[in-house]
Amino acid sequence: MILMCDKGDIGCIENTERYMAYFETIKENLPKGFLRIFDKNDWFHDFSIENIEIMNTGKYSSIIKFITNRGNILYELTFKGVKSFFVNIT
């Protein structure tokens, strides 16, 4: 991935480097089709989250759907069997 930060934005650079290191640890578990779309769309950089749905499917399991877009490009990402998640909105 190309670093999408301004040269002087140390916080952005540090966050991107941490994310890229984490992503390397999980990418083998992601579907190849998703990875192609993810790479083709610059890791969804500059996409807006249009909607998030969280559906409880059991005592310790959920389905999370994200609808994200950039201009006329729209994706629905569905994660099944989610046991925990963390959202930080800043």
PDB file of N, CA and C in Angstrom:
ATOM      1  N   MET A   1       0.832  -1.182   0.000  1.00  0.00           N
ATOM      2  CA  MET A   1       0.000   0.000   0.000  1.00  0.00           C
ATOM      3  C   MET A   1       0.869   1.235   0.000  1.00  0.00           C
ATOM      4  N   ILE A   2       0.438   2.236  -0.703  1.00  0.00           N
ATOM      5  CA  ILE A   2       1.119   3.522  -0.727  1.00  0.00           C
ATOM      6  C   ILE A   2       0.703   4.287   0.519  1.00  0.00           C
ATOM      7  N   LEU A   3       1.671   4.893   1.190  1.00  0.00           N
ATOM      8  CA  LEU A   3       1.387   5.681   2.378  1.00  0.00           C
ATOM      9  C   LEU A   3       0.569   6.904   1.991  1.00  0.00           C
ATOM     10  N   MET A   4      -0.624   7.065   2.588  1.00  0.00           N
ATOM     11  CA  MET A   4      -1.553   8.137   2.230  1.00  0.00           C
ATOM     12  C   MET A   4      -1.503   9.296   3.224  1.00  0.00           C
ATOM     13  N   CYS A   5      -0.308   9.663   3.699  1.00  0.00           N
ATOM     14  CA  CYS A   5      -0.173  10.720   4.694  1.00  0.00           C
ATOM     15  C   CYS A   5       0.702  11.836   4.148  1.00  0.00           C
ATOM     16  N   ASP A   6       0.471  13.028   4.656  1.00  0.00           N
ATOM     17  CA  ASP A   6       1.380  14.138   4.374  1.00  0.00           C
ATOM     18  C   ASP A   6       2.701  13.863   5.090  1.00  0.00           C
ATOM     19  N   LYS A   7       3.801  14.327   4.528  1.00  0.00           N
ATOM     20  CA  LYS A   7       5.135  14.087   5.107  1.00  0.00           C
ATOM     21  C   LYS A   7       5.215  14.465   6.583  1.00  0.00           C
ATOM     22  N   GLY A   8       4.649  15.595   6.955  1.00  0.00           N
ATOM     23  CA  GLY A   8       4.766  16.084   8.323  1.00  0.00           C
ATOM     24  C   GLY A   8       3.752  15.511   9.298  1.00  0.00           C
ATOM     25  N   ASP A   9       2.823  14.694   8.836  1.00  0.00           N
ATOM     26  CA  ASP A   9       1.758  14.177   9.700  1.00  0.00           C
ATOM     27  C   ASP A   9       2.232  12.897  10.397  1.00  0.00           C
ATOM     28  N   ILE A  10       2.986  13.078  11.482  1.00  0.00           N
ATOM     29  CA  ILE A  10       3.593  11.950  12.193  1.00  0.00           C
ATOM     30  C   ILE A  10       2.534  10.984  12.711  1.00  0.00           C
ATOM     31  N   GLY A  11       1.418  11.503  13.250  1.00  0.00           N
ATOM     32  CA  GLY A  11       0.355  10.630  13.770  1.00  0.00           C
ATOM     33  C   GLY A  11      -0.208   9.737  12.685  1.00  0.00           C
ATOM     34  N   CYS A  12      -0.457  10.292  11.529  1.00  0.00           N
ATOM     35  CA  CYS A  12      -0.984   9.509  10.403  1.00  0.00           C
ATOM     36  C   CYS A  12       0.019   8.442   9.977  1.00  0.00           C
ATOM     37  N   ILE A  13       1.280   8.831   9.892  1.00  0.00           N
ATOM     38  CA  ILE A  13       2.322   7.889   9.476  1.00  0.00           C
ATOM     39  C   ILE A  13       2.439   6.744  10.482  1.00  0.00           C
ATOM     40  N   GLU A  14       2.448   7.064  11.767  1.00  0.00           N
ATOM     41  CA  GLU A  14       2.547   6.029  12.801  1.00  0.00           C
ATOM     42  C   GLU A  14       1.338   5.102  12.770  1.00  0.00           C
ATOM     43  N   ASN A  15       0.129   5.656  12.639  1.00  0.00           N
ATOM     44  CA  ASN A  15      -1.073   4.827  12.584  1.00  0.00           C
ATOM     45  C   ASN A  15      -1.062   3.920  11.358  1.00  0.00           C
ATOM     46  N   THR A  16      -0.649   4.458  10.224  1.00  0.00           N
ATOM     47  CA  THR A  16      -0.605   3.664   8.995  1.00  0.00           C
ATOM     48  C   THR A  16       0.397   2.528   9.130  1.00  0.00           C
ATOM     49  N   GLU A  17       1.546   2.810   9.693  1.00  0.00           N
ATOM     50  CA  GLU A  17       2.560   1.760   9.870  1.00  0.00           C
ATOM     51  C   GLU A  17       2.071   0.675  10.818  1.00  0.00           C
ATOM     52  N   ARG A  18       1.394   1.069  11.911  1.00  0.00           N
ATOM     53  CA  ARG A  18       0.833   0.076  12.844  1.00  0.00           C
ATOM     54  C   ARG A  18      -0.230  -0.767  12.147  1.00  0.00           C
ATOM     55  N   TYR A  19      -1.111  -0.104  11.371  1.00  0.00           N
ATOM     56  CA  TYR A  19      -2.169  -0.824  10.668  1.00  0.00           C
ATOM     57  C   TYR A  19      -1.584  -1.797   9.657  1.00  0.00           C
ATOM     58  N   MET A  20      -0.578  -1.346   8.910  1.00  0.00           N
ATOM     59  CA  MET A  20       0.023  -2.215   7.895  1.00  0.00           C
ATOM     60  C   MET A  20       0.674  -3.432   8.549  1.00  0.00           C
ATOM     61  N   ALA A  21       1.344  -3.245   9.687  1.00  0.00           N
ATOM     62  CA  ALA A  21       1.966  -4.366  10.399  1.00  0.00           C
ATOM     63  C   ALA A  21       0.895  -5.343  10.884  1.00  0.00           C
ATOM     64  N   TYR A  22      -0.207  -4.824  11.440  1.00  0.00           N
ATOM     65  CA  TYR A  22      -1.300  -5.690  11.892  1.00  0.00           C
ATOM     66  C   TYR A  22      -1.936  -6.420  10.716  1.00  0.00           C
ATOM     67  N   PHE A  23      -2.177  -5.702   9.629  1.00  0.00           N
ATOM     68  CA  PHE A  23      -2.820  -6.302   8.465  1.00  0.00           C
ATOM     69  C   PHE A  23      -2.004  -7.480   7.935  1.00  0.00           C
ATOM     70  N   GLU A  24      -0.688  -7.363   7.971  1.00  0.00           N
ATOM     71  CA  GLU A  24       0.174  -8.461   7.519  1.00  0.00           C
ATOM     72  C   GLU A  24      -0.079  -9.731   8.329  1.00  0.00           C
ATOM     73  N   THR A  25      -0.467  -9.581   9.598  1.00  0.00           N
ATOM     74  CA  THR A  25      -0.695 -10.750  10.447  1.00  0.00           C
ATOM     75  C   THR A  25      -2.039 -11.422  10.186  1.00  0.00           C
ATOM     76  N   ILE A  26      -2.976 -10.725   9.550  1.00  0.00           N
ATOM     77  CA  ILE A  26      -4.319 -11.297   9.351  1.00  0.00           C
ATOM     78  C   ILE A  26      -4.680 -11.561   7.895  1.00  0.00           C
ATOM     79  N   LYS A  27      -3.909 -11.027   6.960  1.00  0.00           N
ATOM     80  CA  LYS A  27      -4.345 -11.080   5.562  1.00  0.00           C
ATOM     81  C   LYS A  27      -4.464 -12.492   5.013  1.00  0.00           C
ATOM     82  N   GLU A  28      -3.703 -13.443   5.545  1.00  0.00           N
ATOM     83  CA  GLU A  28      -3.798 -14.831   5.072  1.00  0.00           C
ATOM     84  C   GLU A  28      -5.156 -15.450   5.408  1.00  0.00           C
ATOM     85  N   ASN A  29      -5.864 -14.871   6.372  1.00  0.00           N
ATOM     86  CA  ASN A  29      -7.177 -15.380   6.778  1.00  0.00           C
ATOM     87  C   ASN A  29      -8.326 -14.741   6.001  1.00  0.00           C
ATOM     88  N   LEU A  30      -8.023 -13.795   5.139  1.00  0.00           N
ATOM     89  CA  LEU A  30      -9.066 -13.079   4.391  1.00  0.00           C
ATOM     90  C   LEU A  30      -9.229 -13.682   3.001  1.00  0.00           C
ATOM     91  N   PRO A  31     -10.457 -13.670   2.477  1.00  0.00           N
ATOM     92  CA  PRO A  31     -10.694 -14.217   1.130  1.00  0.00           C
ATOM     93  C   PRO A  31      -9.893 -13.466   0.069  1.00  0.00           C
ATOM     94  N   LYS A  32      -9.368 -14.212  -0.900  1.00  0.00           N
ATOM     95  CA  LYS A  32      -8.552 -13.619  -1.971  1.00  0.00           C
ATOM     96  C   LYS A  32      -9.347 -12.569  -2.758  1.00  0.00           C
ATOM     97  N   GLY A  33     -10.640 -12.818  -2.988  1.00  0.00           N
ATOM     98  CA  GLY A  33     -11.477 -11.850  -3.704  1.00  0.00           C
ATOM     99  C   GLY A  33     -11.562 -10.532  -2.963  1.00  0.00           C
ATOM    100  N   PHE A  34     -11.698 -10.599  -1.645  1.00  0.00           N
ATOM    101  CA  PHE A  34     -11.734  -9.377  -0.843  1.00  0.00           C
ATOM    102  C   PHE A  34     -10.409  -8.628  -0.956  1.00  0.00           C
ATOM    103  N   LEU A  35      -9.288  -9.362  -0.879  1.00  0.00           N
ATOM    104  CA  LEU A  35      -7.977  -8.709  -0.949  1.00  0.00           C
ATOM    105  C   LEU A  35      -7.773  -8.001  -2.279  1.00  0.00           C
ATOM    106  N   ARG A  36      -8.251  -8.591  -3.371  1.00  0.00           N
ATOM    107  CA  ARG A  36      -8.138  -7.934  -4.683  1.00  0.00           C
ATOM    108  C   ARG A  36      -8.916  -6.616  -4.696  1.00  0.00           C
ATOM    109  N   ILE A  37     -10.151  -6.647  -4.186  1.00  0.00           N
ATOM    110  CA  ILE A  37     -10.979  -5.429  -4.139  1.00  0.00           C
ATOM    111  C   ILE A  37     -10.357  -4.403  -3.193  1.00  0.00           C
ATOM    112  N   PHE A  38      -9.872  -4.864  -2.062  1.00  0.00           N
ATOM    113  CA  PHE A  38      -9.250  -4.001  -1.061  1.00  0.00           C
ATOM    114  C   PHE A  38      -8.048  -3.272  -1.650  1.00  0.00           C
ATOM    115  N   ASP A  39      -7.177  -4.015  -2.335  1.00  0.00           N
ATOM    116  CA  ASP A  39      -5.996  -3.408  -2.967  1.00  0.00           C
ATOM    117  C   ASP A  39      -6.391  -2.475  -4.109  1.00  0.00           C
ATOM    118  N   LYS A  40      -7.323  -2.911  -4.938  1.00  0.00           N
ATOM    119  CA  LYS A  40      -7.760  -2.111  -6.085  1.00  0.00           C
ATOM    120  C   LYS A  40      -8.324  -0.754  -5.652  1.00  0.00           C
ATOM    121  N   ASN A  41      -8.901  -0.696  -4.451  1.00  0.00           N
ATOM    122  CA  ASN A  41      -9.534   0.527  -3.944  1.00  0.00           C
ATOM    123  C   ASN A  41      -8.706   1.210  -2.857  1.00  0.00           C
ATOM    124  N   ASP A  42      -7.381   1.072  -2.962  1.00  0.00           N
ATOM    125  CA  ASP A  42      -6.457   1.768  -2.040  1.00  0.00           C
ATOM    126  C   ASP A  42      -6.784   1.520  -0.569  1.00  0.00           C
ATOM    127  N   TRP A  43      -7.126   0.278  -0.256  1.00  0.00           N
ATOM    128  CA  TRP A  43      -7.441  -0.142   1.113  1.00  0.00           C
ATOM    129  C   TRP A  43      -8.624   0.645   1.672  1.00  0.00           C
ATOM    130  N   PHE A  44      -9.526   1.062   0.791  1.00  0.00           N
ATOM    131  CA  PHE A  44     -10.720   1.842   1.132  1.00  0.00           C
ATOM    132  C   PHE A  44     -10.385   3.197   1.755  1.00  0.00           C
ATOM    133  N   HIS A  45      -9.190   3.704   1.458  1.00  0.00           N
ATOM    134  CA  HIS A  45      -8.802   5.038   1.910  1.00  0.00           C
ATOM    135  C   HIS A  45      -9.720   6.065   1.242  1.00  0.00           C
ATOM    136  N   ASP A  46     -10.187   7.009   1.981  1.00  0.00           N
ATOM    137  CA  ASP A  46     -11.093   8.066   1.525  1.00  0.00           C
ATOM    138  C   ASP A  46     -12.494   7.558   1.191  1.00  0.00           C
ATOM    139  N   PHE A  47     -12.836   6.343   1.598  1.00  0.00           N
ATOM    140  CA  PHE A  47     -14.213   5.875   1.488  1.00  0.00           C
ATOM    141  C   PHE A  47     -14.960   6.360   2.723  1.00  0.00           C
ATOM    142  N   SER A  48     -16.237   6.578   2.591  1.00  0.00           N
ATOM    143  CA  SER A  48     -17.087   6.958   3.720  1.00  0.00           C
ATOM    144  C   SER A  48     -17.869   5.748   4.172  1.00  0.00           C
ATOM    145  N   ILE A  49     -18.064   5.632   5.466  1.00  0.00           N
ATOM    146  CA  ILE A  49     -18.941   4.577   5.987  1.00  0.00           C
ATOM    147  C   ILE A  49     -20.343   5.137   5.954  1.00  0.00           C
ATOM    148  N   GLU A  50     -21.195   4.514   5.150  1.00  0.00           N
ATOM    149  CA  GLU A  50     -22.572   4.969   4.974  1.00  0.00           C
ATOM    150  C   GLU A  50     -23.477   4.379   6.049  1.00  0.00           C
ATOM    151  N   ASN A  51     -23.192   3.120   6.434  1.00  0.00           N
ATOM    152  CA  ASN A  51     -24.055   2.446   7.391  1.00  0.00           C
ATOM    153  C   ASN A  51     -23.290   1.306   8.048  1.00  0.00           C
ATOM    154  N   ILE A  52     -23.579   1.055   9.323  1.00  0.00           N
ATOM    155  CA  ILE A  52     -23.062  -0.114  10.039  1.00  0.00           C
ATOM    156  C   ILE A  52     -24.250  -0.798  10.695  1.00  0.00           C
ATOM    157  N   GLU A  53     -24.390  -2.097  10.440  1.00  0.00           N
ATOM    158  CA  GLU A  53     -25.437  -2.907  11.080  1.00  0.00           C
ATOM    159  C   GLU A  53     -24.768  -3.981  11.902  1.00  0.00           C
ATOM    160  N   ILE A  54     -25.178  -4.123  13.146  1.00  0.00           N
ATOM    161  CA  ILE A  54     -24.651  -5.180  14.005  1.00  0.00           C
ATOM    162  C   ILE A  54     -25.834  -6.039  14.419  1.00  0.00           C
ATOM    163  N   MET A  55     -25.781  -7.325  14.040  1.00  0.00           N
ATOM    164  CA  MET A  55     -26.873  -8.255  14.347  1.00  0.00           C
ATOM    165  C   MET A  55     -26.357  -9.354  15.260  1.00  0.00           C
ATOM    166  N   ASN A  56     -26.964  -9.485  16.411  1.00  0.00           N
ATOM    167  CA  ASN A  56     -26.595 -10.526  17.351  1.00  0.00           C
ATOM    168  C   ASN A  56     -27.172 -11.854  16.868  1.00  0.00           C
ATOM    169  N   THR A  57     -26.308 -12.843  16.637  1.00  0.00           N
ATOM    170  CA  THR A  57     -26.778 -14.138  16.133  1.00  0.00           C
ATOM    171  C   THR A  57     -26.671 -15.239  17.164  1.00  0.00           C
ATOM    172  N   GLY A  58     -26.183 -14.932  18.318  1.00  0.00           N
ATOM    173  CA  GLY A  58     -26.045 -15.911  19.387  1.00  0.00           C
ATOM    174  C   GLY A  58     -25.413 -15.256  20.587  1.00  0.00           C
ATOM    175  N   LYS A  59     -25.188 -16.057  21.618  1.00  0.00           N
ATOM    176  CA  LYS A  59     -24.658 -15.499  22.856  1.00  0.00           C
ATOM    177  C   LYS A  59     -23.307 -14.820  22.649  1.00  0.00           C
ATOM    178  N   TYR A  60     -22.428 -15.409  21.842  1.00  0.00           N
ATOM    179  CA  TYR A  60     -21.097 -14.839  21.619  1.00  0.00           C
ATOM    180  C   TYR A  60     -20.772 -14.695  20.142  1.00  0.00           C
ATOM    181  N   SER A  61     -21.761 -14.356  19.334  1.00  0.00           N
ATOM    182  CA  SER A  61     -21.519 -14.262  17.899  1.00  0.00           C
ATOM    183  C   SER A  61     -22.418 -13.202  17.282  1.00  0.00           C
ATOM    184  N   SER A  62     -21.854 -12.452  16.345  1.00  0.00           N
ATOM    185  CA  SER A  62     -22.603 -11.399  15.661  1.00  0.00           C
ATOM    186  C   SER A  62     -22.243 -11.378  14.184  1.00  0.00           C
ATOM    187  N   ILE A  63     -23.089 -10.732  13.410  1.00  0.00           N
ATOM    188  CA  ILE A  63     -22.796 -10.395  12.021  1.00  0.00           C
ATOM    189  C   ILE A  63     -22.720  -8.880  11.963  1.00  0.00           C
ATOM    190  N   ILE A  64     -21.673  -8.380  11.330  1.00  0.00           N
ATOM    191  CA  ILE A  64     -21.521  -6.934  11.168  1.00  0.00           C
ATOM    192  C   ILE A  64     -21.479  -6.634   9.681  1.00  0.00           C
ATOM    193  N   LYS A  65     -22.333  -5.704   9.237  1.00  0.00           N
ATOM    194  CA  LYS A  65     -22.351  -5.260   7.844  1.00  0.00           C
ATOM    195  C   LYS A  65     -21.955  -3.792   7.787  1.00  0.00           C
ATOM    196  N   PHE A  66     -20.982  -3.502   6.946  1.00  0.00           N
ATOM    197  CA  PHE A  66     -20.568  -2.134   6.670  1.00  0.00           C
ATOM    198  C   PHE A  66     -20.956  -1.811   5.239  1.00  0.00           C
ATOM    199  N   ILE A  67     -21.552  -0.664   5.024  1.00  0.00           N
ATOM    200  CA  ILE A  67     -21.749  -0.161   3.668  1.00  0.00           C
ATOM    201  C   ILE A  67     -20.849   1.056   3.548  1.00  0.00           C
ATOM    202  N   THR A  68     -19.954   1.003   2.580  1.00  0.00           N
ATOM    203  CA  THR A  68     -18.952   2.049   2.412  1.00  0.00           C
ATOM    204  C   THR A  68     -18.949   2.519   0.971  1.00  0.00           C
ATOM    205  N   ASN A  69     -18.634   3.795   0.774  1.00  0.00           N
ATOM    206  CA  ASN A  69     -18.627   4.310  -0.597  1.00  0.00           C
ATOM    207  C   ASN A  69     -17.601   5.411  -0.779  1.00  0.00           C
ATOM    208  N   ARG A  70     -17.252   5.611  -2.039  1.00  0.00           N
ATOM    209  CA  ARG A  70     -16.453   6.753  -2.493  1.00  0.00           C
ATOM    210  C   ARG A  70     -17.012   7.106  -3.857  1.00  0.00           C
ATOM    211  N   GLY A  71     -17.710   8.245  -3.926  1.00  0.00           N
ATOM    212  CA  GLY A  71     -18.359   8.624  -5.180  1.00  0.00           C
ATOM    213  C   GLY A  71     -19.417   7.599  -5.550  1.00  0.00           C
ATOM    214  N   ASN A  72     -19.308   7.048  -6.749  1.00  0.00           N
ATOM    215  CA  ASN A  72     -20.307   6.066  -7.192  1.00  0.00           C
ATOM    216  C   ASN A  72     -19.874   4.627  -6.930  1.00  0.00           C
ATOM    217  N   ILE A  73     -18.776   4.429  -6.198  1.00  0.00           N
ATOM    218  CA  ILE A  73     -18.318   3.085  -5.843  1.00  0.00           C
ATOM    219  C   ILE A  73     -18.900   2.748  -4.479  1.00  0.00           C
ATOM    220  N   LEU A  74     -19.624   1.645  -4.392  1.00  0.00           N
ATOM    221  CA  LEU A  74     -20.296   1.247  -3.159  1.00  0.00           C
ATOM    222  C   LEU A  74     -19.979  -0.212  -2.872  1.00  0.00           C
ATOM    223  N   TYR A  75     -19.612  -0.514  -1.634  1.00  0.00           N
ATOM    224  CA  TYR A  75     -19.360  -1.891  -1.218  1.00  0.00           C
ATOM    225  C   TYR A  75     -20.118  -2.191   0.058  1.00  0.00           C
ATOM    226  N   GLU A  76     -20.608  -3.424   0.153  1.00  0.00           N
ATOM    227  CA  GLU A  76     -21.157  -3.932   1.405  1.00  0.00           C
ATOM    228  C   GLU A  76     -20.218  -5.011   1.888  1.00  0.00           C
ATOM    229  N   LEU A  77     -19.658  -4.813   3.056  1.00  0.00           N
ATOM    230  CA  LEU A  77     -18.733  -5.768   3.656  1.00  0.00           C
ATOM    231  C   LEU A  77     -19.462  -6.466   4.787  1.00  0.00           C
ATOM    232  N   THR A  78     -19.518  -7.793   4.755  1.00  0.00           N
ATOM    233  CA  THR A  78     -20.222  -8.560   5.770  1.00  0.00           C
ATOM    234  C   THR A  78     -19.233  -9.464   6.500  1.00  0.00           C
ATOM    235  N   PHE A  79     -19.199  -9.343   7.807  1.00  0.00           N
ATOM    236  CA  PHE A  79     -18.333 -10.162   8.647  1.00  0.00           C
ATOM    237  C   PHE A  79     -19.226 -11.052   9.498  1.00  0.00           C
ATOM    238  N   LYS A  80     -19.064 -12.370   9.365  1.00  0.00           N
ATOM    239  CA  LYS A  80     -19.901 -13.321  10.098  1.00  0.00           C
ATOM    240  C   LYS A  80     -19.090 -13.984  11.207  1.00  0.00           C
ATOM    241  N   GLY A  81     -19.777 -14.376  12.273  1.00  0.00           N
ATOM    242  CA  GLY A  81     -19.120 -15.066  13.372  1.00  0.00           C
ATOM    243  C   GLY A  81     -18.212 -14.170  14.199  1.00  0.00           C
ATOM    244  N   VAL A  82     -18.535 -12.877  14.255  1.00  0.00           N
ATOM    245  CA  VAL A  82     -17.718 -11.923  15.002  1.00  0.00           C
ATOM    246  C   VAL A  82     -17.921 -12.157  16.484  1.00  0.00           C
ATOM    247  N   LYS A  83     -16.834 -12.345  17.207  1.00  0.00           N
ATOM    248  CA  LYS A  83     -16.911 -12.579  18.641  1.00  0.00           C
ATOM    249  C   LYS A  83     -16.650 -11.304  19.452  1.00  0.00           C
ATOM    250  N   SER A  84     -15.871 -10.387  18.892  1.00  0.00           N
ATOM    251  CA  SER A  84     -15.659  -9.101  19.556  1.00  0.00           C
ATOM    252  C   SER A  84     -15.233  -8.083  18.490  1.00  0.00           C
ATOM    253  N   PHE A  85     -15.453  -6.826  18.813  1.00  0.00           N
ATOM    254  CA  PHE A  85     -15.046  -5.755  17.904  1.00  0.00           C
ATOM    255  C   PHE A  85     -14.873  -4.481  18.718  1.00  0.00           C
ATOM    256  N   PHE A  86     -14.100  -3.572  18.175  1.00  0.00           N
ATOM    257  CA  PHE A  86     -13.832  -2.307  18.821  1.00  0.00           C
ATOM    258  C   PHE A  86     -13.954  -1.217  17.765  1.00  0.00           C
ATOM    259  N   VAL A  87     -14.674  -0.169  18.077  1.00  0.00           N
ATOM    260  CA  VAL A  87     -14.831   0.959  17.162  1.00  0.00           C
ATOM    261  C   VAL A  87     -14.338   2.207  17.888  1.00  0.00           C
ATOM    262  N   ASN A  88     -13.444   2.934  17.234  1.00  0.00           N
ATOM    263  CA  ASN A  88     -12.935   4.182  17.790  1.00  0.00           C
ATOM    264  C   ASN A  88     -13.271   5.282  16.802  1.00  0.00           C
ATOM    265  N   ILE A  89     -14.156   6.164  17.189  1.00  0.00           N
ATOM    266  CA  ILE A  89     -14.577   7.256  16.306  1.00  0.00           C
ATOM    267  C   ILE A  89     -13.949   8.542  16.824  1.00  0.00           C
ATOM    268  N   THR A  90     -13.116   9.135  15.977  1.00  0.00           N
ATOM    269  CA  THR A  90     -12.460  10.383  16.395  1.00  0.00           C
ATOM    270  C   THR A  90     -12.700  11.449  15.362  1.00  0.00           C
TER     271      THR A  90
END
